[in-house]
Amino acid sequence: MNESVPEVGTPQDPMPEPEVPAEVESELEYDTAAPAPLGVDRTPTGNAEVDAQLDRLGDADHLATDGHVEVYEDVHRGLRDALTALDTRPGPPVPTRHPTTAPQ
């Protein structure tokens, strides 16, 4: 029998797997149920307290959806505290109105 022609039912060498680029491979392994960053830009406000709270929103990017509520509530509480602190800081005195004459 000719050795160059394989016999029927004889296993042949398997073909090598084609190389997959890393970018494509990572897309193939993407788990749609896994947490994924939203990619929302957070622009600094210039107020350190507010900026810290906005940065905290990034923590939700790595959590499952049910973990977002805790982060959002924490950020809301922090922003509310920052706004409340603005009301309690001493500022310039408020001008008082002195009536010169009583209205008639």
C-alpha atoms as a PDB file:
ATOM      1  CA  MET A   1       0.000   0.000   0.000  1.00  0.00           C
ATOM      2  CA  ASN A   2       1.179   3.548  -0.688  1.00  0.00           C
ATOM      3  CA  GLU A   3       2.329   5.244   2.525  1.00  0.00           C
ATOM      4  CA  SER A   4       1.633   8.793   1.283  1.00  0.00           C
ATOM      5  CA  VAL A   5      -2.123   8.276   1.242  1.00  0.00           C
ATOM      6  CA  PRO A   6      -3.688   7.776   4.678  1.00  0.00           C
ATOM      7  CA  GLU A   7      -6.039   4.885   5.113  1.00  0.00           C
ATOM      8  CA  VAL A   8      -9.711   5.540   5.775  1.00  0.00           C
ATOM      9  CA  GLY A   9     -10.360   5.816   9.518  1.00  0.00           C
ATOM     10  CA  THR A  10      -6.702   6.533  10.318  1.00  0.00           C
ATOM     11  CA  PRO A  11      -6.312   9.636  12.517  1.00  0.00           C
ATOM     12  CA  GLN A  12      -4.300  12.415  10.915  1.00  0.00           C
ATOM     13  CA  ASP A  13      -2.247  15.051  12.671  1.00  0.00           C
ATOM     14  CA  PRO A  14      -4.624  17.740  13.934  1.00  0.00           C
ATOM     15  CA  MET A  15      -4.296  21.153  12.356  1.00  0.00           C
ATOM     16  CA  PRO A  16      -2.666  23.695  14.651  1.00  0.00           C
ATOM     17  CA  GLU A  17      -4.975  26.273  16.237  1.00  0.00           C
ATOM     18  CA  PRO A  18      -4.677  29.672  14.527  1.00  0.00           C
ATOM     19  CA  GLU A  19      -3.118  32.382  16.659  1.00  0.00           C
ATOM     20  CA  VAL A  20      -5.665  34.886  17.938  1.00  0.00           C
ATOM     21  CA  PRO A  21      -4.513  38.465  18.587  1.00  0.00           C
ATOM     22  CA  ALA A  22      -4.694  39.514  22.251  1.00  0.00           C
ATOM     23  CA  GLU A  23      -7.321  42.188  21.502  1.00  0.00           C
ATOM     24  CA  VAL A  24      -9.640  39.662  19.901  1.00  0.00           C
ATOM     25  CA  GLU A  25      -8.968  37.046  22.570  1.00  0.00           C
ATOM     26  CA  SER A  26      -9.976  39.437  25.351  1.00  0.00           C
ATOM     27  CA  GLU A  27     -13.226  40.176  23.491  1.00  0.00           C
ATOM     28  CA  LEU A  28     -13.909  36.473  23.162  1.00  0.00           C
ATOM     29  CA  GLU A  29     -13.466  36.013  26.904  1.00  0.00           C
ATOM     30  CA  TYR A  30     -15.652  39.033  27.820  1.00  0.00           C
ATOM     31  CA  ASP A  31     -18.253  38.124  30.393  1.00  0.00           C
ATOM     32  CA  THR A  32     -21.340  40.264  29.847  1.00  0.00           C
ATOM     33  CA  ALA A  33     -22.445  39.673  33.435  1.00  0.00           C
ATOM     34  CA  ALA A  34     -19.152  40.946  34.871  1.00  0.00           C
ATOM     35  CA  PRO A  35     -18.906  44.515  36.186  1.00  0.00           C
ATOM     36  CA  ALA A  36     -17.614  46.929  33.567  1.00  0.00           C
ATOM     37  CA  PRO A  37     -16.608  50.581  33.881  1.00  0.00           C
ATOM     38  CA  LEU A  38     -19.115  53.013  32.438  1.00  0.00           C
ATOM     39  CA  GLY A  39     -16.351  55.269  31.185  1.00  0.00           C
ATOM     40  CA  VAL A  40     -18.033  58.440  32.433  1.00  0.00           C
ATOM     41  CA  ASP A  41     -15.617  61.347  32.727  1.00  0.00           C
ATOM     42  CA  ARG A  42     -15.626  63.157  36.040  1.00  0.00           C
ATOM     43  CA  THR A  43     -14.492  66.764  35.717  1.00  0.00           C
ATOM     44  CA  PRO A  44     -12.867  68.241  38.841  1.00  0.00           C
ATOM     45  CA  THR A  45     -14.865  71.037  40.438  1.00  0.00           C
ATOM     46  CA  GLY A  46     -12.028  72.679  42.341  1.00  0.00           C
ATOM     47  CA  ASN A  47     -13.613  71.848  45.699  1.00  0.00           C
ATOM     48  CA  ALA A  48     -11.560  69.088  47.341  1.00  0.00           C
ATOM     49  CA  GLU A  49     -14.515  67.644  49.301  1.00  0.00           C
ATOM     50  CA  VAL A  50     -16.772  67.468  46.244  1.00  0.00           C
ATOM     51  CA  ASP A  51     -14.001  66.109  44.010  1.00  0.00           C
ATOM     52  CA  ALA A  52     -13.285  63.328  46.523  1.00  0.00           C
ATOM     53  CA  GLN A  53     -16.956  62.315  46.419  1.00  0.00           C
ATOM     54  CA  LEU A  54     -17.026  62.366  42.622  1.00  0.00           C
ATOM     55  CA  ASP A  55     -13.892  60.191  42.529  1.00  0.00           C
ATOM     56  CA  ARG A  56     -15.689  57.774  44.854  1.00  0.00           C
ATOM     57  CA  LEU A  57     -18.231  57.179  42.074  1.00  0.00           C
ATOM     58  CA  GLY A  58     -15.458  55.317  40.242  1.00  0.00           C
ATOM     59  CA  ASP A  59     -15.663  52.605  42.917  1.00  0.00           C
ATOM     60  CA  ALA A  60     -18.996  51.542  41.441  1.00  0.00           C
ATOM     61  CA  ASP A  61     -17.244  50.617  38.169  1.00  0.00           C
ATOM     62  CA  HIS A  62     -15.824  47.470  39.749  1.00  0.00           C
ATOM     63  CA  LEU A  63     -18.966  46.334  41.549  1.00  0.00           C
ATOM     64  CA  ALA A  64     -21.967  44.356  40.440  1.00  0.00           C
ATOM     65  CA  THR A  65     -25.118  46.433  39.977  1.00  0.00           C
ATOM     66  CA  ASP A  66     -26.477  45.573  43.430  1.00  0.00           C
ATOM     67  CA  GLY A  67     -23.348  47.142  44.966  1.00  0.00           C
ATOM     68  CA  HIS A  68     -23.892  50.494  43.245  1.00  0.00           C
ATOM     69  CA  VAL A  69     -26.597  51.611  45.674  1.00  0.00           C
ATOM     70  CA  GLU A  70     -24.205  51.632  48.616  1.00  0.00           C
ATOM     71  CA  VAL A  71     -21.676  53.746  46.699  1.00  0.00           C
ATOM     72  CA  TYR A  72     -24.324  56.169  45.417  1.00  0.00           C
ATOM     73  CA  GLU A  73     -25.813  56.616  48.891  1.00  0.00           C
ATOM     74  CA  ASP A  74     -22.356  57.202  50.355  1.00  0.00           C
ATOM     75  CA  VAL A  75     -21.550  59.810  47.687  1.00  0.00           C
ATOM     76  CA  HIS A  76     -24.937  61.489  48.152  1.00  0.00           C
ATOM     77  CA  ARG A  77     -24.355  61.684  51.901  1.00  0.00           C
ATOM     78  CA  GLY A  78     -20.869  63.161  51.346  1.00  0.00           C
ATOM     79  CA  LEU A  79     -22.126  65.758  48.876  1.00  0.00           C
ATOM     80  CA  ARG A  80     -24.968  66.719  51.206  1.00  0.00           C
ATOM     81  CA  ASP A  81     -22.465  67.141  54.066  1.00  0.00           C
ATOM     82  CA  ALA A  82     -20.233  69.318  51.850  1.00  0.00           C
ATOM     83  CA  LEU A  83     -23.193  71.548  50.983  1.00  0.00           C
ATOM     84  CA  THR A  84     -24.285  71.754  54.613  1.00  0.00           C
ATOM     85  CA  ALA A  85     -20.754  72.769  55.589  1.00  0.00           C
ATOM     86  CA  LEU A  86     -21.004  75.712  53.200  1.00  0.00           C
ATOM     87  CA  ASP A  87     -23.997  77.007  55.191  1.00  0.00           C
ATOM     88  CA  THR A  88     -22.176  76.779  58.515  1.00  0.00           C
ATOM     89  CA  ARG A  89     -18.925  78.469  57.472  1.00  0.00           C
ATOM     90  CA  PRO A  90     -18.633  82.026  58.648  1.00  0.00           C
ATOM     91  CA  GLY A  91     -18.785  84.456  55.803  1.00  0.00           C
ATOM     92  CA  PRO A  92     -18.875  88.190  55.507  1.00  0.00           C
ATOM     93  CA  PRO A  93     -21.501  89.825  57.653  1.00  0.00           C
ATOM     94  CA  VAL A  94     -24.865  90.277  56.031  1.00  0.00           C
ATOM     95  CA  PRO A  95     -25.686  93.956  55.677  1.00  0.00           C
ATOM     96  CA  THR A  96     -28.599  94.999  57.795  1.00  0.00           C
ATOM     97  CA  ARG A  97     -31.197  97.350  56.542  1.00  0.00           C
ATOM     98  CA  HIS A  98     -31.805 100.410  58.644  1.00  0.00           C
ATOM     99  CA  PRO A  99     -35.101 102.107  58.001  1.00  0.00           C
ATOM    100  CA  THR A 100     -34.592 105.835  57.859  1.00  0.00           C
ATOM    101  CA  THR A 101     -38.235 106.632  58.181  1.00  0.00           C
ATOM    102  CA  ALA A 102     -41.262 104.587  58.897  1.00  0.00           C
ATOM    103  CA  PRO A 103     -43.517 104.018  55.900  1.00  0.00           C
ATOM    104  CA  GLN A 104     -46.763 105.995  56.024  1.00  0.00           C
END
